[in-house]
Amino acid sequence: MTTRKPLGLPSLKWIAMAAVAGVVAGAAAVYVKETGIGNGGRETASVECKLARDRVASLTPLMKGQVAAMVAAYEPRKLTAVSFNGPDGKPLTLDHFAGKTVLLNLWATWCVPCREEMPALNALEKEMGSDRFQVVPVNIDSGDDEKPKTFLAEIGVDALQLYRDNTISVFNSLKKEGLAMGLPVTLLIDDKGCLISAMNGPAAWDSEDAKALITGAIGS
């Protein structure tokens, strides 16, 4: 039986997937310290997030099949430095989604795996989106909103809202946390705003495996 590595020591499989997915801006090499993810930049766990450890333990068996690359958080924590713009262009933090389980996905139109998984994220939001769960895709293309808006319209995305950060600051924040090595980056955040799992690379988010994981996260 294979033992899953927690967020703290990235698996070789995870690193390989990130390399295949591509590196932000297509030029920068991303280095992972052998001492573990988030070393030196990790935010401290709040009392609420310490209570999320049991939730992480219950969800770990569901990180399999199409979402096997998801890695459980060794120590759930709030990502207070993460910010981006909402559909109305106004700044948001993860506090905006308090009370909801969130699947936060960083993507770009130049990232082929991101483009390929977007219809699955749209299907997941269409089926499971509610006042208790939301897919939050954050586009990090430079420039204005026209290119990502056109892309989403062309592929028929009709359930996802467009969140944006054309400065790539959100990616850099997650990189400092040891959570971002390439695109796409996907984080599962509970209704208290605590990180419970993450992955680098694409997944079939409309699969039964993905839906079982989200159902477990919502109902925990």
C-alpha atoms as a PDB file:
ATOM      1  CA  MET A   1       0.000   0.000   0.000  1.00  0.00           C
ATOM      2  CA  THR A   2       1.416   3.380  -1.024  1.00  0.00           C
ATOM      3  CA  THR A   3       1.584   6.055   1.662  1.00  0.00           C
ATOM      4  CA  ARG A   4       0.432   9.495   0.516  1.00  0.00           C
ATOM      5  CA  LYS A   5       2.851  12.326   1.162  1.00  0.00           C
ATOM      6  CA  PRO A   6       1.287  15.347   2.921  1.00  0.00           C
ATOM      7  CA  LEU A   7       1.866  18.944   1.883  1.00  0.00           C
ATOM      8  CA  GLY A   8       5.311  19.291   3.326  1.00  0.00           C
ATOM      9  CA  LEU A   9       7.251  16.879   1.157  1.00  0.00           C
ATOM     10  CA  PRO A  10       6.167  16.920  -2.502  1.00  0.00           C
ATOM     11  CA  SER A  11       6.069  13.579  -4.264  1.00  0.00           C
ATOM     12  CA  LEU A  12       8.092  12.968  -7.419  1.00  0.00           C
ATOM     13  CA  LYS A  13       4.794  12.307  -9.210  1.00  0.00           C
ATOM     14  CA  TRP A  14       3.530  15.779  -8.259  1.00  0.00           C
ATOM     15  CA  ILE A  15       6.747  17.475  -9.423  1.00  0.00           C
ATOM     16  CA  ALA A  16       6.620  15.582 -12.716  1.00  0.00           C
ATOM     17  CA  MET A  17       3.037  16.658 -13.346  1.00  0.00           C
ATOM     18  CA  ALA A  18       3.948  20.272 -12.688  1.00  0.00           C
ATOM     19  CA  ALA A  19       6.807  20.054 -15.175  1.00  0.00           C
ATOM     20  CA  VAL A  20       4.493  18.651 -17.845  1.00  0.00           C
ATOM     21  CA  ALA A  21       1.868  21.310 -17.151  1.00  0.00           C
ATOM     22  CA  GLY A  22       4.395  24.089 -17.797  1.00  0.00           C
ATOM     23  CA  VAL A  23       5.878  26.912 -15.801  1.00  0.00           C
ATOM     24  CA  VAL A  24       4.318  30.354 -15.409  1.00  0.00           C
ATOM     25  CA  ALA A  25       5.323  32.813 -18.165  1.00  0.00           C
ATOM     26  CA  GLY A  26       6.824  29.874 -20.030  1.00  0.00           C
ATOM     27  CA  ALA A  27      10.353  30.861 -19.058  1.00  0.00           C
ATOM     28  CA  ALA A  28      10.962  30.676 -15.325  1.00  0.00           C
ATOM     29  CA  ALA A  29      12.282  27.448 -13.832  1.00  0.00           C
ATOM     30  CA  VAL A  30      10.646  26.503 -10.559  1.00  0.00           C
ATOM     31  CA  TYR A  31      12.795  24.987  -7.839  1.00  0.00           C
ATOM     32  CA  VAL A  32      11.431  22.938  -4.936  1.00  0.00           C
ATOM     33  CA  LYS A  33      13.482  22.756  -1.770  1.00  0.00           C
ATOM     34  CA  GLU A  34      14.281  19.255  -0.636  1.00  0.00           C
ATOM     35  CA  THR A  35      13.331  20.313   2.875  1.00  0.00           C
ATOM     36  CA  GLY A  36       9.665  20.565   1.868  1.00  0.00           C
ATOM     37  CA  ILE A  37       6.813  22.688   0.608  1.00  0.00           C
ATOM     38  CA  GLY A  38       6.301  26.129   2.066  1.00  0.00           C
ATOM     39  CA  ASN A  39       9.565  26.179   3.983  1.00  0.00           C
ATOM     40  CA  GLY A  40      10.139  29.689   5.309  1.00  0.00           C
ATOM     41  CA  GLY A  41       6.997  31.217   3.818  1.00  0.00           C
ATOM     42  CA  ARG A  42       4.235  29.110   5.308  1.00  0.00           C
ATOM     43  CA  GLU A  43       1.483  30.911   7.160  1.00  0.00           C
ATOM     44  CA  THR A  44       0.753  29.775  10.672  1.00  0.00           C
ATOM     45  CA  ALA A  45      -2.319  27.689  11.364  1.00  0.00           C
ATOM     46  CA  SER A  46      -5.228  29.372  13.112  1.00  0.00           C
ATOM     47  CA  VAL A  47      -7.289  27.669  15.797  1.00  0.00           C
ATOM     48  CA  GLU A  48     -10.029  27.084  13.215  1.00  0.00           C
ATOM     49  CA  CYS A  49      -7.568  25.431  10.859  1.00  0.00           C
ATOM     50  CA  LYS A  50      -6.171  23.182  13.570  1.00  0.00           C
ATOM     51  CA  LEU A  51      -9.694  21.840  13.915  1.00  0.00           C
ATOM     52  CA  ALA A  52      -9.633  21.046  10.171  1.00  0.00           C
ATOM     53  CA  ARG A  53      -7.067  18.270  10.639  1.00  0.00           C
ATOM     54  CA  ASP A  54      -9.810  15.696  11.157  1.00  0.00           C
ATOM     55  CA  ARG A  55     -11.475  16.882   7.962  1.00  0.00           C
ATOM     56  CA  VAL A  56      -8.238  16.416   6.047  1.00  0.00           C
ATOM     57  CA  ALA A  57      -7.872  12.904   7.434  1.00  0.00           C
ATOM     58  CA  SER A  58     -11.386  11.981   6.331  1.00  0.00           C
ATOM     59  CA  LEU A  59     -10.830  13.341   2.819  1.00  0.00           C
ATOM     60  CA  THR A  60      -7.433  11.773   2.151  1.00  0.00           C
ATOM     61  CA  PRO A  61      -8.906   8.382   1.083  1.00  0.00           C
ATOM     62  CA  LEU A  62     -11.004  10.249  -1.505  1.00  0.00           C
ATOM     63  CA  MET A  63      -7.902  11.674  -3.219  1.00  0.00           C
ATOM     64  CA  LYS A  64      -7.672   8.820  -5.706  1.00  0.00           C
ATOM     65  CA  GLY A  65      -8.329   7.951  -9.320  1.00  0.00           C
ATOM     66  CA  GLN A  66      -8.825  11.095 -11.386  1.00  0.00           C
ATOM     67  CA  VAL A  67      -7.850  13.284  -8.414  1.00  0.00           C
ATOM     68  CA  ALA A  68      -5.002  11.120  -7.118  1.00  0.00           C
ATOM     69  CA  ALA A  69      -2.556  14.011  -7.609  1.00  0.00           C
ATOM     70  CA  MET A  70      -4.327  15.973  -4.868  1.00  0.00           C
ATOM     71  CA  VAL A  71      -2.074  16.174  -1.811  1.00  0.00           C
ATOM     72  CA  ALA A  72      -3.510  16.560   1.683  1.00  0.00           C
ATOM     73  CA  ALA A  73      -2.404  19.524   3.774  1.00  0.00           C
ATOM     74  CA  TYR A  74      -0.053  18.431   6.533  1.00  0.00           C
ATOM     75  CA  GLU A  75      -1.169  21.428   8.562  1.00  0.00           C
ATOM     76  CA  PRO A  76      -4.335  23.192   7.309  1.00  0.00           C
ATOM     77  CA  ARG A  77      -3.886  26.957   7.262  1.00  0.00           C
ATOM     78  CA  LYS A  78      -5.398  30.177   5.979  1.00  0.00           C
ATOM     79  CA  LEU A  79      -3.758  31.803   2.954  1.00  0.00           C
ATOM     80  CA  THR A  80      -4.189  35.431   3.958  1.00  0.00           C
ATOM     81  CA  ALA A  81      -1.787  36.761   1.305  1.00  0.00           C
ATOM     82  CA  VAL A  82      -3.858  35.400  -1.597  1.00  0.00           C
ATOM     83  CA  SER A  83      -5.804  38.097  -3.451  1.00  0.00           C
ATOM     84  CA  PHE A  84      -7.189  38.688  -6.946  1.00  0.00           C
ATOM     85  CA  ASN A  85      -9.919  40.657  -8.697  1.00  0.00           C
ATOM     86  CA  GLY A  86     -13.555  39.603  -8.815  1.00  0.00           C
ATOM     87  CA  PRO A  87     -15.793  39.588 -11.902  1.00  0.00           C
ATOM     88  CA  ASP A  88     -16.529  43.263 -11.219  1.00  0.00           C
ATOM     89  CA  GLY A  89     -12.808  44.096 -11.158  1.00  0.00           C
ATOM     90  CA  LYS A  90     -12.726  44.793  -7.421  1.00  0.00           C
ATOM     91  CA  PRO A  91     -10.048  43.194  -5.182  1.00  0.00           C
ATOM     92  CA  LEU A  92     -10.999  40.050  -3.277  1.00  0.00           C
ATOM     93  CA  THR A  93      -9.384  37.750  -0.740  1.00  0.00           C
ATOM     94  CA  LEU A  94     -10.445  34.239   0.223  1.00  0.00           C
ATOM     95  CA  ASP A  95     -12.420  35.750   3.114  1.00  0.00           C
ATOM     96  CA  HIS A  96     -14.994  36.775   0.506  1.00  0.00           C
ATOM     97  CA  PHE A  97     -15.975  33.095   0.166  1.00  0.00           C
ATOM     98  CA  ALA A  98     -16.357  32.379   3.900  1.00  0.00           C
ATOM     99  CA  GLY A  99     -19.017  29.756   4.501  1.00  0.00           C
ATOM    100  CA  LYS A 100     -18.339  28.022   1.180  1.00  0.00           C
ATOM    101  CA  THR A 101     -16.035  25.174   0.257  1.00  0.00           C
ATOM    102  CA  VAL A 102     -13.943  26.531  -2.625  1.00  0.00           C
ATOM    103  CA  LEU A 103     -12.021  24.892  -5.439  1.00  0.00           C
ATOM    104  CA  LEU A 104      -9.547  27.639  -6.373  1.00  0.00           C
ATOM    105  CA  ASN A 105      -7.953  27.103  -9.790  1.00  0.00           C
ATOM    106  CA  LEU A 106      -5.185  29.238 -11.324  1.00  0.00           C
ATOM    107  CA  TRP A 107      -5.079  29.138 -15.120  1.00  0.00           C
ATOM    108  CA  ALA A 108      -3.973  30.993 -18.254  1.00  0.00           C
ATOM    109  CA  THR A 109      -5.016  30.896 -21.895  1.00  0.00           C
ATOM    110  CA  TRP A 110      -1.452  30.035 -22.943  1.00  0.00           C
ATOM    111  CA  CYS A 111      -1.439  26.964 -20.664  1.00  0.00           C
ATOM    112  CA  VAL A 112      -2.645  23.982 -22.720  1.00  0.00           C
ATOM    113  CA  PRO A 113      -3.570  21.731 -19.730  1.00  0.00           C
ATOM    114  CA  CYS A 114      -5.516  24.658 -18.241  1.00  0.00           C
ATOM    115  CA  ARG A 115      -7.498  25.087 -21.431  1.00  0.00           C
ATOM    116  CA  GLU A 116      -8.235  21.369 -21.597  1.00  0.00           C
ATOM    117  CA  GLU A 117      -9.577  21.113 -18.036  1.00  0.00           C
ATOM    118  CA  MET A 118     -11.746  24.247 -18.135  1.00  0.00           C
ATOM    119  CA  PRO A 119     -14.853  22.470 -19.545  1.00  0.00           C
ATOM    120  CA  ALA A 120     -14.620  19.937 -16.695  1.00  0.00           C
ATOM    121  CA  LEU A 121     -14.417  22.726 -14.105  1.00  0.00           C
ATOM    122  CA  ASN A 122     -17.425  24.342 -15.757  1.00  0.00           C
ATOM    123  CA  ALA A 123     -19.349  21.054 -15.565  1.00  0.00           C
ATOM    124  CA  LEU A 124     -18.429  20.647 -11.897  1.00  0.00           C
ATOM    125  CA  GLU A 125     -19.670  24.136 -11.054  1.00  0.00           C
ATOM    126  CA  LYS A 126     -22.847  23.590 -13.060  1.00  0.00           C
ATOM    127  CA  GLU A 127     -23.638  20.355 -11.216  1.00  0.00           C
ATOM    128  CA  MET A 128     -22.375  21.106  -7.707  1.00  0.00           C
ATOM    129  CA  GLY A 129     -22.155  24.890  -7.397  1.00  0.00           C
ATOM    130  CA  SER A 130     -24.342  26.205  -4.567  1.00  0.00           C
ATOM    131  CA  ASP A 131     -24.312  28.409  -1.506  1.00  0.00           C
ATOM    132  CA  ARG A 132     -21.993  25.773   0.002  1.00  0.00           C
ATOM    133  CA  PHE A 133     -19.550  25.194  -2.869  1.00  0.00           C
ATOM    134  CA  GLN A 134     -17.995  27.211  -5.677  1.00  0.00           C
ATOM    135  CA  VAL A 135     -15.336  26.754  -8.329  1.00  0.00           C
ATOM    136  CA  VAL A 136     -13.234  29.931  -8.419  1.00  0.00           C
ATOM    137  CA  PRO A 137     -11.023  30.036 -11.557  1.00  0.00           C
ATOM    138  CA  VAL A 138      -8.446  32.838 -11.436  1.00  0.00           C
ATOM    139  CA  ASN A 139      -6.969  33.762 -14.801  1.00  0.00           C
ATOM    140  CA  ILE A 140      -3.414  35.137 -14.728  1.00  0.00           C
ATOM    141  CA  ASP A 141      -2.993  36.294 -18.342  1.00  0.00           C
ATOM    142  CA  SER A 142      -1.279  39.673 -18.646  1.00  0.00           C
ATOM    143  CA  GLY A 143      -3.149  42.568 -20.246  1.00  0.00           C
ATOM    144  CA  ASP A 144      -6.891  43.182 -20.158  1.00  0.00           C
ATOM    145  CA  ASP A 145      -9.818  40.762 -19.804  1.00  0.00           C
ATOM    146  CA  GLU A 146     -10.548  40.353 -23.508  1.00  0.00           C
ATOM    147  CA  LYS A 147      -8.459  37.249 -24.241  1.00  0.00           C
ATOM    148  CA  PRO A 148      -9.694  35.075 -21.343  1.00  0.00           C
ATOM    149  CA  LYS A 149     -13.286  36.249 -21.872  1.00  0.00           C
ATOM    150  CA  THR A 150     -13.106  35.347 -25.570  1.00  0.00           C
ATOM    151  CA  PHE A 151     -11.617  31.939 -24.809  1.00  0.00           C
ATOM    152  CA  LEU A 152     -14.301  31.050 -22.253  1.00  0.00           C
ATOM    153  CA  ALA A 153     -17.042  32.170 -24.632  1.00  0.00           C
ATOM    154  CA  GLU A 154     -15.589  30.123 -27.494  1.00  0.00           C
ATOM    155  CA  ILE A 155     -15.560  26.879 -25.478  1.00  0.00           C
ATOM    156  CA  GLY A 156     -19.027  27.435 -24.051  1.00  0.00           C
ATOM    157  CA  VAL A 157     -18.159  28.077 -20.397  1.00  0.00           C
ATOM    158  CA  ASP A 158     -21.417  29.315 -18.922  1.00  0.00           C
ATOM    159  CA  ALA A 159     -21.284  28.449 -15.223  1.00  0.00           C
ATOM    160  CA  LEU A 160     -17.956  29.936 -14.169  1.00  0.00           C
ATOM    161  CA  GLN A 161     -17.309  33.551 -13.304  1.00  0.00           C
ATOM    162  CA  LEU A 162     -14.096  35.220 -14.465  1.00  0.00           C
ATOM    163  CA  TYR A 163     -11.673  36.101 -11.674  1.00  0.00           C
ATOM    164  CA  ARG A 164      -8.439  37.809 -12.679  1.00  0.00           C
ATOM    165  CA  ASP A 165      -4.921  38.736 -11.638  1.00  0.00           C
ATOM    166  CA  ASN A 166      -2.902  40.104 -14.540  1.00  0.00           C
ATOM    167  CA  THR A 167       0.072  40.806 -12.242  1.00  0.00           C
ATOM    168  CA  ILE A 168       0.628  37.091 -11.435  1.00  0.00           C
ATOM    169  CA  SER A 169       0.881  38.096  -7.762  1.00  0.00           C
ATOM    170  CA  VAL A 170      -1.535  35.351  -6.748  1.00  0.00           C
ATOM    171  CA  PHE A 171       0.716  32.718  -8.336  1.00  0.00           C
ATOM    172  CA  ASN A 172       3.780  34.186  -6.662  1.00  0.00           C
ATOM    173  CA  SER A 173       2.013  34.172  -3.288  1.00  0.00           C
ATOM    174  CA  LEU A 174       1.244  30.474  -3.671  1.00  0.00           C
ATOM    175  CA  LYS A 175       4.763  29.811  -4.896  1.00  0.00           C
ATOM    176  CA  LYS A 176       6.144  31.307  -1.652  1.00  0.00           C
ATOM    177  CA  GLU A 177       3.798  28.989   0.231  1.00  0.00           C
ATOM    178  CA  GLY A 178       5.282  26.044  -1.651  1.00  0.00           C
ATOM    179  CA  LEU A 179       1.975  25.365  -3.386  1.00  0.00           C
ATOM    180  CA  ALA A 180       2.584  26.524  -6.969  1.00  0.00           C
ATOM    181  CA  MET A 181       5.177  25.020  -9.285  1.00  0.00           C
ATOM    182  CA  GLY A 182       3.414  25.352 -12.637  1.00  0.00           C
ATOM    183  CA  LEU A 183      -0.055  25.667 -14.126  1.00  0.00           C
ATOM    184  CA  PRO A 184      -2.770  24.770 -13.527  1.00  0.00           C
ATOM    185  CA  VAL A 185      -2.710  25.037  -9.722  1.00  0.00           C
ATOM    186  CA  THR A 186      -5.784  23.893  -7.796  1.00  0.00           C
ATOM    187  CA  LEU A 187      -6.483  24.323  -4.088  1.00  0.00           C
ATOM    188  CA  LEU A 188      -9.353  22.872  -2.066  1.00  0.00           C
ATOM    189  CA  ILE A 189     -10.325  25.273   0.730  1.00  0.00           C
ATOM    190  CA  ASP A 190     -12.915  24.497   3.383  1.00  0.00           C
ATOM    191  CA  ASP A 191     -15.797  26.667   4.546  1.00  0.00           C
ATOM    192  CA  LYS A 192     -13.614  28.219   7.258  1.00  0.00           C
ATOM    193  CA  GLY A 193     -11.074  29.343   4.654  1.00  0.00           C
ATOM    194  CA  CYS A 194      -8.524  26.669   5.560  1.00  0.00           C
ATOM    195  CA  LEU A 195      -6.403  24.983   2.903  1.00  0.00           C
ATOM    196  CA  ILE A 196      -7.075  21.242   3.025  1.00  0.00           C
ATOM    197  CA  SER A 197      -5.447  19.965  -0.168  1.00  0.00           C
ATOM    198  CA  ALA A 198      -3.696  21.104  -3.341  1.00  0.00           C
ATOM    199  CA  MET A 199      -2.328  19.903  -6.643  1.00  0.00           C
ATOM    200  CA  ASN A 200      -0.270  21.104  -9.582  1.00  0.00           C
ATOM    201  CA  GLY A 201      -1.424  19.838 -12.952  1.00  0.00           C
ATOM    202  CA  PRO A 202      -4.804  19.135 -14.579  1.00  0.00           C
ATOM    203  CA  ALA A 203      -7.538  16.761 -13.456  1.00  0.00           C
ATOM    204  CA  ALA A 204     -10.903  15.491 -14.701  1.00  0.00           C
ATOM    205  CA  TRP A 205     -12.958  17.671 -12.378  1.00  0.00           C
ATOM    206  CA  ASP A 206     -16.239  16.376 -13.793  1.00  0.00           C
ATOM    207  CA  SER A 207     -15.333  12.771 -12.899  1.00  0.00           C
ATOM    208  CA  GLU A 208     -17.009  10.696 -10.212  1.00  0.00           C
ATOM    209  CA  ASP A 209     -13.744  10.742  -8.229  1.00  0.00           C
ATOM    210  CA  ALA A 210     -13.683  14.541  -8.224  1.00  0.00           C
ATOM    211  CA  LYS A 211     -17.342  14.824  -7.293  1.00  0.00           C
ATOM    212  CA  ALA A 212     -16.891  12.362  -4.424  1.00  0.00           C
ATOM    213  CA  LEU A 213     -14.001  14.455  -3.092  1.00  0.00           C
ATOM    214  CA  ILE A 214     -16.009  17.674  -3.308  1.00  0.00           C
ATOM    215  CA  THR A 215     -19.046  16.021  -1.708  1.00  0.00           C
ATOM    216  CA  GLY A 216     -16.840  14.866   1.153  1.00  0.00           C
ATOM    217  CA  ALA A 217     -15.362  18.334   1.574  1.00  0.00           C
ATOM    218  CA  ILE A 218     -18.767  20.002   1.638  1.00  0.00           C
ATOM    219  CA  GLY A 219     -20.322  17.487   3.981  1.00  0.00           C
ATOM    220  CA  SER A 220     -17.447  17.108   6.424  1.00  0.00           C
END
